[in-house]
C-alpha cells in the first residue's frame, strides 16, 4: 500500500483567514514547501496529485516538473485557472496537468 499525505492549513494562514472577515486570501506556496511536501508524500511518476484551491498552478507545475506526477487542480476563480493553464503550457507540461474551474 502506498503512503498518503494530507496537508492542512498552517496556523498562520488560518489566523490570516480569521482576520480577513471570511474573505479567503490567496497565499502562493513557495517551491521549497512544495518540494518538501511531495518528498514527504513519496510522490512520483505513478501518482496523481490533486490540489484543491490550486490558484495560479505553481504547486502542480512544480510537482509535475520535479516529481513526474500527473496533476489535477481545482480552482474557483476563473482568472487563476487561466493563469494556471498558461503556466502549465509555458512549462511544457499541459499534457500532465489539468485545471478545473
C-alpha atoms as a PDB file:
ATOM      1  CA  UNK A   1       0.000   0.000   0.000  1.00  0.00           C
ATOM      2  CA  UNK A   2       1.316   3.442  -0.937  1.00  0.00           C
ATOM      3  CA  UNK A   3       1.694   6.135   1.672  1.00  0.00           C
ATOM      4  CA  UNK A   4      -0.708   9.064   1.508  1.00  0.00           C
ATOM      5  CA  UNK A   5      -0.315  12.514   2.977  1.00  0.00           C
ATOM      6  CA  UNK A   6      -2.873  15.189   3.711  1.00  0.00           C
ATOM      7  CA  UNK A   7      -1.564  18.692   4.159  1.00  0.00           C
ATOM      8  CA  UNK A   8      -3.635  21.092   6.255  1.00  0.00           C
ATOM      9  CA  UNK A   9      -3.766  24.842   6.503  1.00  0.00           C
ATOM     10  CA  UNK A  10      -0.825  26.079   8.588  1.00  0.00           C
ATOM     11  CA  UNK A  11      -1.766  28.090  11.686  1.00  0.00           C
ATOM     12  CA  UNK A  12      -0.518  31.383  10.256  1.00  0.00           C
ATOM     13  CA  UNK A  13      -2.762  31.045   7.212  1.00  0.00           C
ATOM     14  CA  UNK A  14      -5.716  30.159   9.432  1.00  0.00           C
ATOM     15  CA  UNK A  15      -5.082  33.286  11.509  1.00  0.00           C
ATOM     16  CA  UNK A  16      -4.862  35.370   8.332  1.00  0.00           C
ATOM     17  CA  UNK A  17      -8.237  33.941   7.237  1.00  0.00           C
ATOM     18  CA  UNK A  18      -9.795  34.795  10.587  1.00  0.00           C
ATOM     19  CA  UNK A  19      -8.536  38.392  10.303  1.00  0.00           C
ATOM     20  CA  UNK A  20      -9.880  38.723   6.751  1.00  0.00           C
ATOM     21  CA  UNK A  21     -13.501  38.508   7.982  1.00  0.00           C
ATOM     22  CA  UNK A  22     -14.308  35.457   5.878  1.00  0.00           C
ATOM     23  CA  UNK A  23     -12.607  36.505   2.656  1.00  0.00           C
ATOM     24  CA  UNK A  24     -10.137  33.823   1.695  1.00  0.00           C
ATOM     25  CA  UNK A  25      -6.691  35.277   0.968  1.00  0.00           C
ATOM     26  CA  UNK A  26      -4.556  33.883  -1.834  1.00  0.00           C
ATOM     27  CA  UNK A  27      -1.162  32.927  -0.473  1.00  0.00           C
ATOM     28  CA  UNK A  28       1.259  31.384  -3.015  1.00  0.00           C
ATOM     29  CA  UNK A  29       3.118  28.285  -1.820  1.00  0.00           C
ATOM     30  CA  UNK A  30       6.920  28.572  -2.021  1.00  0.00           C
ATOM     31  CA  UNK A  31       8.684  25.912  -4.134  1.00  0.00           C
ATOM     32  CA  UNK A  32      10.678  24.745  -1.086  1.00  0.00           C
ATOM     33  CA  UNK A  33       7.428  23.918   0.722  1.00  0.00           C
ATOM     34  CA  UNK A  34       6.025  22.099  -2.306  1.00  0.00           C
ATOM     35  CA  UNK A  35       9.221  20.074  -2.698  1.00  0.00           C
ATOM     36  CA  UNK A  36       9.287  19.113   0.976  1.00  0.00           C
ATOM     37  CA  UNK A  37       5.613  18.109   0.927  1.00  0.00           C
ATOM     38  CA  UNK A  38       5.984  15.970  -2.188  1.00  0.00           C
ATOM     39  CA  UNK A  39       9.112  14.260  -0.849  1.00  0.00           C
ATOM     40  CA  UNK A  40       7.286  13.566   2.442  1.00  0.00           C
ATOM     41  CA  UNK A  41       4.367  12.074   0.498  1.00  0.00           C
ATOM     42  CA  UNK A  42       6.727   9.931  -1.585  1.00  0.00           C
ATOM     43  CA  UNK A  43       5.341  11.487  -4.768  1.00  0.00           C
ATOM     44  CA  UNK A  44       6.486  10.036  -8.075  1.00  0.00           C
ATOM     45  CA  UNK A  45       5.557   9.397 -11.710  1.00  0.00           C
ATOM     46  CA  UNK A  46       2.894   6.802 -10.817  1.00  0.00           C
ATOM     47  CA  UNK A  47       0.935   9.312  -8.697  1.00  0.00           C
ATOM     48  CA  UNK A  48      -1.882  11.740  -9.413  1.00  0.00           C
ATOM     49  CA  UNK A  49      -1.765  14.862  -7.236  1.00  0.00           C
ATOM     50  CA  UNK A  50      -4.935  16.883  -6.628  1.00  0.00           C
ATOM     51  CA  UNK A  51      -4.704  20.487  -5.456  1.00  0.00           C
ATOM     52  CA  UNK A  52      -7.955  21.993  -4.193  1.00  0.00           C
ATOM     53  CA  UNK A  53      -7.700  25.763  -4.408  1.00  0.00           C
ATOM     54  CA  UNK A  54      -4.846  25.483  -6.904  1.00  0.00           C
ATOM     55  CA  UNK A  55      -4.516  29.228  -7.520  1.00  0.00           C
ATOM     56  CA  UNK A  56      -2.056  30.005 -10.306  1.00  0.00           C
ATOM     57  CA  UNK A  57      -0.998  26.357 -10.559  1.00  0.00           C
ATOM     58  CA  UNK A  58       2.529  26.768  -9.226  1.00  0.00           C
ATOM     59  CA  UNK A  59       2.306  23.743  -6.891  1.00  0.00           C
ATOM     60  CA  UNK A  60       1.226  21.429  -9.691  1.00  0.00           C
ATOM     61  CA  UNK A  61       3.660  22.802 -12.258  1.00  0.00           C
ATOM     62  CA  UNK A  62       6.498  22.256  -9.771  1.00  0.00           C
ATOM     63  CA  UNK A  63       5.217  18.786  -8.872  1.00  0.00           C
ATOM     64  CA  UNK A  64       4.844  17.638 -12.475  1.00  0.00           C
ATOM     65  CA  UNK A  65       8.239  19.054 -13.427  1.00  0.00           C
ATOM     66  CA  UNK A  66      10.277  17.759 -10.477  1.00  0.00           C
ATOM     67  CA  UNK A  67       8.405  14.592  -9.476  1.00  0.00           C
ATOM     68  CA  UNK A  68       6.823  13.474 -12.757  1.00  0.00           C
ATOM     69  CA  UNK A  69       3.335  13.117 -11.272  1.00  0.00           C
ATOM     70  CA  UNK A  70       0.156  13.751 -13.210  1.00  0.00           C
ATOM     71  CA  UNK A  71      -1.817  16.581 -11.620  1.00  0.00           C
ATOM     72  CA  UNK A  72      -5.332  17.987 -11.304  1.00  0.00           C
ATOM     73  CA  UNK A  73      -6.008  21.470  -9.961  1.00  0.00           C
ATOM     74  CA  UNK A  74      -9.410  22.721  -8.827  1.00  0.00           C
ATOM     75  CA  UNK A  75      -9.873  26.477  -8.530  1.00  0.00           C
ATOM     76  CA  UNK A  76     -12.981  28.643  -8.121  1.00  0.00           C
ATOM     77  CA  UNK A  77     -11.519  31.846  -9.591  1.00  0.00           C
ATOM     78  CA  UNK A  78     -11.551  31.796 -13.395  1.00  0.00           C
ATOM     79  CA  UNK A  79      -8.653  34.212 -13.823  1.00  0.00           C
ATOM     80  CA  UNK A  80      -6.449  31.961 -11.660  1.00  0.00           C
ATOM     81  CA  UNK A  81      -7.412  28.946 -13.781  1.00  0.00           C
ATOM     82  CA  UNK A  82      -6.373  30.864 -16.914  1.00  0.00           C
ATOM     83  CA  UNK A  83      -3.038  31.766 -15.259  1.00  0.00           C
ATOM     84  CA  UNK A  84      -2.509  28.138 -14.226  1.00  0.00           C
ATOM     85  CA  UNK A  85      -3.209  26.767 -17.696  1.00  0.00           C
ATOM     86  CA  UNK A  86      -0.838  29.318 -19.210  1.00  0.00           C
ATOM     87  CA  UNK A  87       1.873  28.377 -16.688  1.00  0.00           C
ATOM     88  CA  UNK A  88       1.476  24.673 -17.478  1.00  0.00           C
ATOM     89  CA  UNK A  89       1.710  25.381 -21.233  1.00  0.00           C
ATOM     90  CA  UNK A  90       4.760  27.625 -20.764  1.00  0.00           C
ATOM     91  CA  UNK A  91       6.499  24.862 -18.797  1.00  0.00           C
ATOM     92  CA  UNK A  92       5.666  22.288 -21.483  1.00  0.00           C
ATOM     93  CA  UNK A  93       3.538  20.331 -19.009  1.00  0.00           C
ATOM     94  CA  UNK A  94      -0.007  20.927 -20.276  1.00  0.00           C
ATOM     95  CA  UNK A  95      -0.408  17.213 -21.091  1.00  0.00           C
ATOM     96  CA  UNK A  96       0.384  16.255 -17.477  1.00  0.00           C
ATOM     97  CA  UNK A  97      -1.740  18.871 -15.667  1.00  0.00           C
ATOM     98  CA  UNK A  98      -5.481  19.548 -15.845  1.00  0.00           C
ATOM     99  CA  UNK A  99      -7.201  22.529 -14.230  1.00  0.00           C
ATOM    100  CA  UNK A 100     -10.918  22.557 -13.433  1.00  0.00           C
ATOM    101  CA  UNK A 101     -12.912  25.675 -12.586  1.00  0.00           C
END
